[in-house]
């Protein structure tokens, strides 16, 4: 199954939408501007995708401002549990729309994910529309909410 998943990841990387492909390898973590743009959203989503596919809990959680999140510590525990139960993750995130309101930004994202459980069970597939909320955290933007949070749970 590992070879099939690798092939799927290669296929996904070949057909990713332009906002992924257009990002240079040395792109900043997030623009240092105060204004949230589609480019800012693309950088954050690319980093989220890379953290999931790289199975890096540390990198994923670094994208979130946990102290500002409602139930941020519970979310951190949920992510820890999710990573401990998964062997591999393939994800495709497609930015549908962004909106800004003062110091916060909202992103609607069409998300597809395939998770191979670490217990050897069958892969779990999920397609959902996620809503991310981001806010400035110093010089960068970080996520302060994601709905539904159940996206990061195995059935």
N, C-alpha and C. Protein backbone atom coordinates (compact mmCIF):
# COMPACT_ATOMS: atom_id res chain seq x y z
N UNK A 1 0.82 -1.19 0.00
CA UNK A 1 0.00 0.00 0.00
C UNK A 1 0.86 1.25 0.00
N UNK A 2 2.04 1.21 0.57
CA UNK A 2 2.92 2.36 0.63
C UNK A 2 3.28 2.87 -0.76
N UNK A 3 3.54 1.94 -1.71
CA UNK A 3 3.89 2.36 -3.07
C UNK A 3 2.73 3.04 -3.76
N UNK A 4 1.50 2.55 -3.52
CA UNK A 4 0.33 3.18 -4.11
C UNK A 4 0.15 4.59 -3.56
N UNK A 5 0.38 4.76 -2.28
CA UNK A 5 0.24 6.08 -1.67
C UNK A 5 1.30 7.03 -2.23
N UNK A 6 2.53 6.56 -2.38
CA UNK A 6 3.58 7.40 -2.96
C UNK A 6 3.20 7.81 -4.38
N UNK A 7 2.67 6.86 -5.15
CA UNK A 7 2.26 7.17 -6.52
C UNK A 7 1.14 8.20 -6.52
N UNK A 8 0.22 8.07 -5.58
CA UNK A 8 -0.88 9.05 -5.48
C UNK A 8 -0.34 10.43 -5.12
N UNK A 9 0.64 10.47 -4.22
CA UNK A 9 1.24 11.76 -3.85
C UNK A 9 1.94 12.40 -5.03
N UNK A 10 2.65 11.58 -5.81
CA UNK A 10 3.32 12.12 -7.00
C UNK A 10 2.31 12.65 -7.99
N UNK A 11 1.20 11.92 -8.16
CA UNK A 11 0.16 12.37 -9.06
C UNK A 11 -0.46 13.67 -8.57
N UNK A 12 -0.73 13.74 -7.27
CA UNK A 12 -1.28 14.97 -6.70
C UNK A 12 -0.34 16.15 -6.91
N UNK A 13 0.95 15.93 -6.71
CA UNK A 13 1.90 17.03 -6.87
C UNK A 13 1.96 17.51 -8.31
N UNK A 14 1.65 16.65 -9.25
CA UNK A 14 1.67 17.04 -10.66
C UNK A 14 0.43 17.82 -11.06
N UNK A 15 -0.67 17.66 -10.29
CA UNK A 15 -1.92 18.32 -10.68
C UNK A 15 -2.40 19.35 -9.68
N UNK A 16 -1.54 19.75 -8.75
CA UNK A 16 -1.93 20.74 -7.76
C UNK A 16 -2.33 22.04 -8.44
N UNK A 17 -3.26 22.78 -7.84
CA UNK A 17 -3.69 24.04 -8.47
C UNK A 17 -2.55 25.05 -8.53
N UNK A 18 -2.68 26.06 -9.39
CA UNK A 18 -1.60 27.02 -9.62
C UNK A 18 -1.08 27.72 -8.38
N UNK A 19 -1.91 27.94 -7.35
CA UNK A 19 -1.38 28.67 -6.21
C UNK A 19 -0.33 27.87 -5.47
N UNK A 20 -0.30 26.56 -5.63
CA UNK A 20 0.77 25.76 -5.04
C UNK A 20 2.02 25.83 -5.93
N UNK A 21 1.83 25.65 -7.21
CA UNK A 21 2.93 25.59 -8.15
C UNK A 21 3.65 26.94 -8.24
N UNK A 22 2.91 28.02 -8.11
CA UNK A 22 3.48 29.34 -8.30
C UNK A 22 4.35 29.79 -7.13
N UNK A 23 4.32 29.08 -6.03
CA UNK A 23 5.10 29.49 -4.87
C UNK A 23 6.56 29.08 -5.04
N UNK A 24 7.48 30.02 -4.98
CA UNK A 24 8.90 29.67 -5.08
C UNK A 24 9.34 28.89 -3.85
N UNK A 25 10.38 28.10 -4.01
CA UNK A 25 10.88 27.28 -2.92
C UNK A 25 11.32 28.11 -1.73
N UNK A 26 11.80 29.30 -1.97
CA UNK A 26 12.29 30.13 -0.87
C UNK A 26 11.24 31.15 -0.43
N UNK A 27 9.94 30.80 -0.58
CA UNK A 27 8.87 31.71 -0.18
C UNK A 27 8.95 31.96 1.32
N UNK A 28 8.67 33.19 1.73
CA UNK A 28 8.70 33.48 3.17
C UNK A 28 7.60 32.70 3.88
N UNK A 29 7.77 32.57 5.19
CA UNK A 29 6.78 31.82 5.97
C UNK A 29 5.40 32.42 5.76
N UNK A 30 5.29 33.70 5.79
CA UNK A 30 4.07 34.42 5.46
C UNK A 30 4.48 35.86 5.20
N UNK A 31 3.79 36.52 4.28
CA UNK A 31 4.17 37.91 4.00
C UNK A 31 4.16 38.75 5.27
N UNK A 32 5.10 39.67 5.35
CA UNK A 32 5.24 40.51 6.53
C UNK A 32 4.29 41.70 6.48
N UNK A 33 3.36 41.67 5.54
CA UNK A 33 2.40 42.75 5.41
C UNK A 33 1.30 42.60 6.45
N UNK A 34 0.64 43.71 6.74
CA UNK A 34 -0.49 43.65 7.64
C UNK A 34 -1.75 43.19 6.93
N UNK A 35 -1.75 43.27 5.61
CA UNK A 35 -2.93 42.92 4.83
C UNK A 35 -2.88 41.43 4.47
N UNK A 36 -3.99 40.75 4.68
CA UNK A 36 -4.10 39.34 4.32
C UNK A 36 -4.51 39.26 2.85
N UNK A 37 -3.75 38.53 2.05
CA UNK A 37 -4.01 38.40 0.62
C UNK A 37 -4.20 36.94 0.25
N UNK A 38 -4.59 36.69 -0.99
CA UNK A 38 -4.67 35.31 -1.47
C UNK A 38 -3.29 34.65 -1.42
N UNK A 39 -2.24 35.45 -1.64
CA UNK A 39 -0.87 34.93 -1.55
C UNK A 39 -0.55 34.47 -0.13
N UNK A 40 -0.99 35.24 0.85
CA UNK A 40 -0.80 34.85 2.26
C UNK A 40 -1.51 33.54 2.51
N UNK A 41 -2.74 33.44 2.04
CA UNK A 41 -3.53 32.21 2.21
C UNK A 41 -2.83 31.02 1.56
N UNK A 42 -2.30 31.24 0.36
CA UNK A 42 -1.62 30.16 -0.36
C UNK A 42 -0.40 29.65 0.40
N UNK A 43 0.37 30.58 0.96
CA UNK A 43 1.55 30.18 1.73
C UNK A 43 1.14 29.35 2.94
N UNK A 44 0.14 29.81 3.67
CA UNK A 44 -0.32 29.06 4.85
C UNK A 44 -0.84 27.68 4.47
N UNK A 45 -1.61 27.60 3.40
CA UNK A 45 -2.16 26.30 2.99
C UNK A 45 -1.07 25.36 2.49
N UNK A 46 -0.09 25.91 1.79
CA UNK A 46 1.03 25.07 1.34
C UNK A 46 1.78 24.50 2.54
N UNK A 47 2.02 25.35 3.54
CA UNK A 47 2.72 24.89 4.74
C UNK A 47 1.90 23.85 5.49
N UNK A 48 0.60 24.04 5.54
CA UNK A 48 -0.27 23.06 6.21
C UNK A 48 -0.21 21.73 5.48
N UNK A 49 -0.29 21.79 4.16
CA UNK A 49 -0.22 20.58 3.35
C UNK A 49 1.11 19.86 3.54
N UNK A 50 2.21 20.61 3.52
CA UNK A 50 3.53 20.01 3.69
C UNK A 50 3.68 19.39 5.09
N UNK A 51 3.14 20.04 6.10
CA UNK A 51 3.23 19.50 7.46
C UNK A 51 2.45 18.19 7.59
N UNK A 52 1.27 18.15 6.99
CA UNK A 52 0.46 16.92 7.04
C UNK A 52 1.14 15.79 6.28
N UNK A 53 1.54 16.06 5.04
CA UNK A 53 2.14 15.02 4.21
C UNK A 53 3.51 14.62 4.73
N UNK A 54 4.20 15.53 5.38
CA UNK A 54 5.49 15.21 5.99
C UNK A 54 5.35 14.58 7.36
N UNK A 55 4.10 14.42 7.79
CA UNK A 55 3.78 13.82 9.09
C UNK A 55 4.52 14.56 10.22
N UNK A 56 4.50 15.89 10.14
CA UNK A 56 5.20 16.71 11.13
C UNK A 56 4.20 17.46 12.01
N UNK A 57 3.95 16.88 13.16
CA UNK A 57 3.04 17.50 14.12
C UNK A 57 3.57 18.86 14.56
N UNK A 58 4.87 18.95 14.76
CA UNK A 58 5.49 20.21 15.21
C UNK A 58 5.26 21.32 14.19
N UNK A 59 5.50 21.05 12.90
CA UNK A 59 5.30 22.07 11.87
C UNK A 59 3.83 22.44 11.72
N UNK A 60 2.95 21.46 11.84
CA UNK A 60 1.53 21.74 11.73
C UNK A 60 1.07 22.65 12.86
N UNK A 61 1.42 22.30 14.08
CA UNK A 61 0.99 23.10 15.23
C UNK A 61 1.61 24.49 15.23
N UNK A 62 2.78 24.64 14.62
CA UNK A 62 3.42 25.96 14.55
C UNK A 62 2.62 26.93 13.68
N UNK A 63 1.73 26.42 12.85
CA UNK A 63 0.89 27.27 11.99
C UNK A 63 -0.32 27.83 12.75
N UNK A 64 -0.54 27.33 13.96
CA UNK A 64 -1.69 27.73 14.75
C UNK A 64 -1.25 28.57 15.95
N UNK A 65 -2.04 29.56 16.28
CA UNK A 65 -1.81 30.36 17.50
C UNK A 65 -2.69 29.73 18.58
N UNK A 66 -2.18 28.66 19.18
CA UNK A 66 -2.97 27.87 20.13
C UNK A 66 -3.51 28.68 21.30
N UNK A 67 -2.74 29.63 21.88
CA UNK A 67 -3.31 30.42 22.99
C UNK A 67 -4.52 31.26 22.56
N UNK A 68 -4.59 31.66 21.31
CA UNK A 68 -5.72 32.46 20.84
C UNK A 68 -6.90 31.60 20.39
N UNK A 69 -6.67 30.31 20.19
CA UNK A 69 -7.73 29.42 19.74
C UNK A 69 -8.64 29.05 20.89
N UNK A 70 -9.94 29.01 20.60
CA UNK A 70 -10.86 28.46 21.58
C UNK A 70 -10.54 26.97 21.69
N UNK A 71 -10.32 26.51 22.91
CA UNK A 71 -9.96 25.11 23.17
C UNK A 71 -8.69 24.70 22.41
N UNK A 72 -7.72 25.61 22.37
CA UNK A 72 -6.46 25.36 21.66
C UNK A 72 -5.72 24.14 22.17
N UNK A 73 -5.72 23.92 23.48
CA UNK A 73 -5.02 22.75 24.03
C UNK A 73 -5.73 21.45 23.67
N UNK A 74 -7.04 21.49 23.59
CA UNK A 74 -7.80 20.31 23.16
C UNK A 74 -7.48 20.01 21.70
N UNK A 75 -7.40 21.06 20.88
CA UNK A 75 -7.03 20.87 19.48
C UNK A 75 -5.63 20.27 19.37
N UNK A 76 -4.70 20.74 20.17
CA UNK A 76 -3.34 20.20 20.17
C UNK A 76 -3.36 18.71 20.51
N UNK A 77 -4.15 18.33 21.48
CA UNK A 77 -4.27 16.91 21.85
C UNK A 77 -4.91 16.11 20.71
N UNK A 78 -5.89 16.70 20.05
CA UNK A 78 -6.54 16.04 18.93
C UNK A 78 -5.53 15.78 17.81
N UNK A 79 -4.71 16.77 17.50
CA UNK A 79 -3.69 16.62 16.45
C UNK A 79 -2.68 15.55 16.85
N UNK A 80 -2.27 15.55 18.11
CA UNK A 80 -1.33 14.54 18.60
C UNK A 80 -1.92 13.14 18.43
N UNK A 81 -3.17 12.98 18.78
CA UNK A 81 -3.84 11.69 18.62
C UNK A 81 -3.95 11.31 17.14
N UNK A 82 -4.31 12.27 16.31
CA UNK A 82 -4.45 12.03 14.87
C UNK A 82 -3.13 11.54 14.27
N UNK A 83 -2.03 12.21 14.58
CA UNK A 83 -0.73 11.81 14.04
C UNK A 83 -0.30 10.45 14.59
N UNK A 84 -0.61 10.16 15.84
CA UNK A 84 -0.20 8.87 16.41
C UNK A 84 -0.99 7.71 15.80
N UNK A 85 -2.16 7.99 15.24
CA UNK A 85 -2.99 6.94 14.65
C UNK A 85 -2.80 6.79 13.15
N UNK A 86 -1.96 7.63 12.55
CA UNK A 86 -1.79 7.59 11.10
C UNK A 86 -0.38 7.23 10.70
N UNK A 87 -0.30 6.43 9.65
CA UNK A 87 1.01 6.08 9.09
C UNK A 87 1.41 7.09 8.03
N UNK A 88 0.44 7.48 7.19
CA UNK A 88 0.72 8.45 6.14
C UNK A 88 -0.54 9.24 5.82
N UNK A 89 -0.31 10.44 5.28
CA UNK A 89 -1.40 11.35 4.97
C UNK A 89 -1.14 11.96 3.60
N UNK A 90 -2.13 11.92 2.74
CA UNK A 90 -2.10 12.63 1.46
C UNK A 90 -3.22 13.65 1.51
N UNK A 91 -2.91 14.88 1.15
CA UNK A 91 -3.92 15.93 1.25
C UNK A 91 -3.85 16.86 0.05
N UNK A 92 -5.00 17.36 -0.33
CA UNK A 92 -5.11 18.35 -1.41
C UNK A 92 -6.00 19.46 -0.88
N UNK A 93 -5.47 20.69 -0.84
CA UNK A 93 -6.20 21.85 -0.33
C UNK A 93 -6.38 22.85 -1.46
N UNK A 94 -7.62 23.21 -1.73
CA UNK A 94 -7.93 24.15 -2.81
C UNK A 94 -8.62 25.37 -2.22
N UNK A 95 -7.95 26.51 -2.27
CA UNK A 95 -8.51 27.75 -1.75
C UNK A 95 -9.70 28.17 -2.60
N UNK A 96 -10.87 28.29 -1.97
CA UNK A 96 -12.09 28.66 -2.69
C UNK A 96 -12.35 30.16 -2.59
N UNK A 97 -12.17 30.72 -1.38
CA UNK A 97 -12.38 32.16 -1.22
C UNK A 97 -11.74 32.65 0.07
N UNK A 98 -11.47 33.95 0.09
CA UNK A 98 -10.93 34.59 1.28
C UNK A 98 -11.77 35.84 1.58
N UNK A 99 -11.79 36.20 2.84
CA UNK A 99 -12.46 37.43 3.27
C UNK A 99 -11.68 37.98 4.45
N UNK A 100 -11.59 39.30 4.53
CA UNK A 100 -10.90 39.91 5.65
C UNK A 100 -11.85 40.82 6.40
N UNK A 101 -11.61 40.91 7.69
CA UNK A 101 -12.41 41.76 8.56
C UNK A 101 -11.49 42.30 9.64
N UNK A 102 -11.07 43.56 9.48
CA UNK A 102 -10.14 44.20 10.41
C UNK A 102 -8.86 43.39 10.54
N UNK A 103 -8.66 42.75 11.68
CA UNK A 103 -7.41 42.05 11.94
C UNK A 103 -7.52 40.54 11.78
N UNK A 104 -8.61 40.06 11.19
CA UNK A 104 -8.79 38.62 10.97
C UNK A 104 -9.11 38.35 9.50
N UNK A 105 -8.80 37.13 9.10
CA UNK A 105 -9.10 36.70 7.74
C UNK A 105 -9.76 35.32 7.81
N UNK A 106 -10.64 35.09 6.88
CA UNK A 106 -11.33 33.80 6.80
C UNK A 106 -11.06 33.21 5.42
N UNK A 107 -10.79 31.90 5.40
CA UNK A 107 -10.56 31.19 4.15
C UNK A 107 -11.50 30.00 4.06
N UNK A 108 -12.16 29.87 2.94
CA UNK A 108 -12.94 28.67 2.65
C UNK A 108 -12.06 27.79 1.77
N UNK A 109 -11.90 26.54 2.18
CA UNK A 109 -10.97 25.63 1.51
C UNK A 109 -11.67 24.30 1.23
N UNK A 110 -11.61 23.87 -0.02
CA UNK A 110 -12.09 22.54 -0.36
C UNK A 110 -10.93 21.58 -0.10
N UNK A 111 -11.16 20.64 0.81
CA UNK A 111 -10.08 19.76 1.26
C UNK A 111 -10.41 18.30 0.96
N UNK A 112 -9.40 17.60 0.46
CA UNK A 112 -9.47 16.16 0.25
C UNK A 112 -8.29 15.54 0.99
N UNK A 113 -8.57 14.47 1.71
CA UNK A 113 -7.49 13.84 2.46
C UNK A 113 -7.68 12.32 2.44
N UNK A 114 -6.56 11.63 2.28
CA UNK A 114 -6.55 10.18 2.42
C UNK A 114 -5.53 9.85 3.49
N UNK A 115 -6.00 9.08 4.47
CA UNK A 115 -5.16 8.73 5.62
C UNK A 115 -5.01 7.23 5.69
N UNK A 116 -3.78 6.78 5.82
CA UNK A 116 -3.50 5.36 6.05
C UNK A 116 -3.30 5.19 7.55
N UNK A 117 -4.23 4.47 8.22
CA UNK A 117 -4.08 4.27 9.67
C UNK A 117 -2.84 3.45 9.98
N UNK A 118 -2.26 3.71 11.14
CA UNK A 118 -1.06 2.97 11.54
C UNK A 118 -1.39 1.55 11.98
N UNK A 119 -2.67 1.25 12.21
CA UNK A 119 -3.05 -0.10 12.63
C UNK A 119 -3.21 -1.05 11.45
N UNK A 120 -2.91 -0.59 10.24
CA UNK A 120 -2.99 -1.45 9.06
C UNK A 120 -4.38 -1.56 8.47
N UNK A 121 -5.33 -0.84 8.98
CA UNK A 121 -6.70 -0.87 8.45
C UNK A 121 -6.77 -0.22 7.09
N UNK A 122 -7.97 -0.23 6.50
CA UNK A 122 -8.13 0.38 5.18
C UNK A 122 -7.96 1.90 5.25
N UNK A 123 -7.53 2.50 4.15
CA UNK A 123 -7.38 3.95 4.12
C UNK A 123 -8.72 4.65 4.38
N UNK A 124 -8.63 5.80 4.97
CA UNK A 124 -9.80 6.62 5.24
C UNK A 124 -9.74 7.82 4.30
N UNK A 125 -10.83 8.08 3.58
CA UNK A 125 -10.87 9.21 2.65
C UNK A 125 -11.91 10.22 3.13
N UNK A 126 -11.60 11.47 2.92
CA UNK A 126 -12.48 12.53 3.40
C UNK A 126 -12.44 13.70 2.42
N UNK A 127 -13.61 14.23 2.11
CA UNK A 127 -13.76 15.45 1.30
C UNK A 127 -14.65 16.39 2.10
N UNK A 128 -14.12 17.56 2.44
CA UNK A 128 -14.91 18.52 3.22
C UNK A 128 -14.53 19.94 2.82
N UNK A 129 -15.44 20.83 3.10
CA UNK A 129 -15.15 22.26 2.97
C UNK A 129 -14.78 22.75 4.35
N UNK A 130 -13.55 23.23 4.48
CA UNK A 130 -13.04 23.72 5.75
C UNK A 130 -13.07 25.24 5.77
N UNK A 131 -13.28 25.77 6.96
CA UNK A 131 -13.21 27.21 7.16
C UNK A 131 -12.09 27.49 8.14
N UNK A 132 -11.09 28.23 7.68
CA UNK A 132 -9.97 28.63 8.52
C UNK A 132 -10.13 30.10 8.88
N UNK A 133 -9.78 30.44 10.11
CA UNK A 133 -9.69 31.83 10.52
C UNK A 133 -8.24 32.08 10.89
N UNK A 134 -7.69 33.18 10.39
CA UNK A 134 -6.29 33.52 10.66
C UNK A 134 -6.22 34.92 11.24
N UNK A 135 -5.18 35.15 12.03
CA UNK A 135 -4.95 36.47 12.62
C UNK A 135 -3.44 36.70 12.67
N UNK A 136 -3.06 37.97 12.78
CA UNK A 136 -1.65 38.30 12.89
C UNK A 136 -1.10 37.80 14.21
N UNK A 137 0.08 37.25 14.15
CA UNK A 137 0.82 36.82 15.34
C UNK A 137 2.23 37.37 15.16
N UNK A 138 2.43 38.58 15.61
CA UNK A 138 3.71 39.25 15.36
C UNK A 138 3.79 39.64 13.90
N UNK A 139 4.81 39.14 13.20
CA UNK A 139 5.01 39.49 11.80
C UNK A 139 4.38 38.50 10.83
N UNK A 140 3.76 37.45 11.34
CA UNK A 140 3.18 36.41 10.48
C UNK A 140 1.70 36.23 10.79
N UNK A 141 1.03 35.57 9.88
CA UNK A 141 -0.36 35.18 10.08
C UNK A 141 -0.37 33.74 10.57
N UNK A 142 -1.24 33.46 11.53
CA UNK A 142 -1.41 32.10 12.02
C UNK A 142 -2.90 31.78 12.11
N UNK A 143 -3.21 30.50 12.03
CA UNK A 143 -4.58 30.06 12.17
C UNK A 143 -5.01 30.18 13.63
N UNK A 144 -6.22 30.69 13.83
CA UNK A 144 -6.76 30.75 15.19
C UNK A 144 -8.04 29.91 15.30
N UNK A 145 -8.49 29.36 14.17
CA UNK A 145 -9.62 28.44 14.20
C UNK A 145 -9.67 27.66 12.90
N UNK A 146 -10.26 26.48 12.99
CA UNK A 146 -10.54 25.66 11.82
C UNK A 146 -11.83 24.91 12.13
N UNK A 147 -12.72 24.90 11.16
CA UNK A 147 -13.98 24.20 11.31
C UNK A 147 -14.26 23.40 10.05
N UNK A 148 -14.75 22.21 10.12
CA UNK A 148 -14.93 21.43 11.34
C UNK A 148 -13.60 20.81 11.79
N UNK A 149 -13.40 20.79 13.06
CA UNK A 149 -12.17 20.21 13.60
C UNK A 149 -12.16 18.69 13.46
N UNK A 150 -13.30 18.12 13.26
CA UNK A 150 -13.40 16.65 13.09
C UNK A 150 -12.65 16.18 11.84
N UNK A 151 -12.27 17.10 10.96
CA UNK A 151 -11.48 16.72 9.78
C UNK A 151 -10.21 16.00 10.20
N UNK A 152 -9.68 16.34 11.37
CA UNK A 152 -8.45 15.75 11.88
C UNK A 152 -8.75 14.64 12.88
N UNK A 153 -9.68 13.78 12.55
CA UNK A 153 -10.02 12.62 13.38
C UNK A 153 -10.26 11.43 12.46
N UNK A 154 -9.83 10.27 12.90
CA UNK A 154 -10.14 9.06 12.14
C UNK A 154 -11.54 8.61 12.51
N UNK A 155 -12.23 8.00 11.53
CA UNK A 155 -13.60 7.53 11.82
C UNK A 155 -13.61 6.39 12.83
